[in-house]
Amino acid sequence: METLKMSLETQGRSGRKVTVVKGFTRRSEELDELAGRIKKTCGTGGTVKGMSLEIQGDARKKVRSLLFQWGFQVRG
């Protein structure tokens, strides 16, 4: 079970909130697929930057529950 760190960031983003999940150790193809599933479920945009996932808005509760269902442990 992978342990991920989740945070809400606004700094450097013109005051907009972004949910950031870091700590993935999977291949980039798997991370892209995971990001697509999360974005579709949350109904929002987002991107993969390196080995982290950025979802627009404050979607921490939804993202945490989705990742837990898929076998990840989330801190933060």
Foldseek 3Di string as FASTA:
>chain_A
DWEKEWDWDQPPPVRWIKIKIAGDDDDPVVVVVVLVVLCVVVVFDWDDDDRMTITGHPCVVVVCVVVVVVPYHYDD
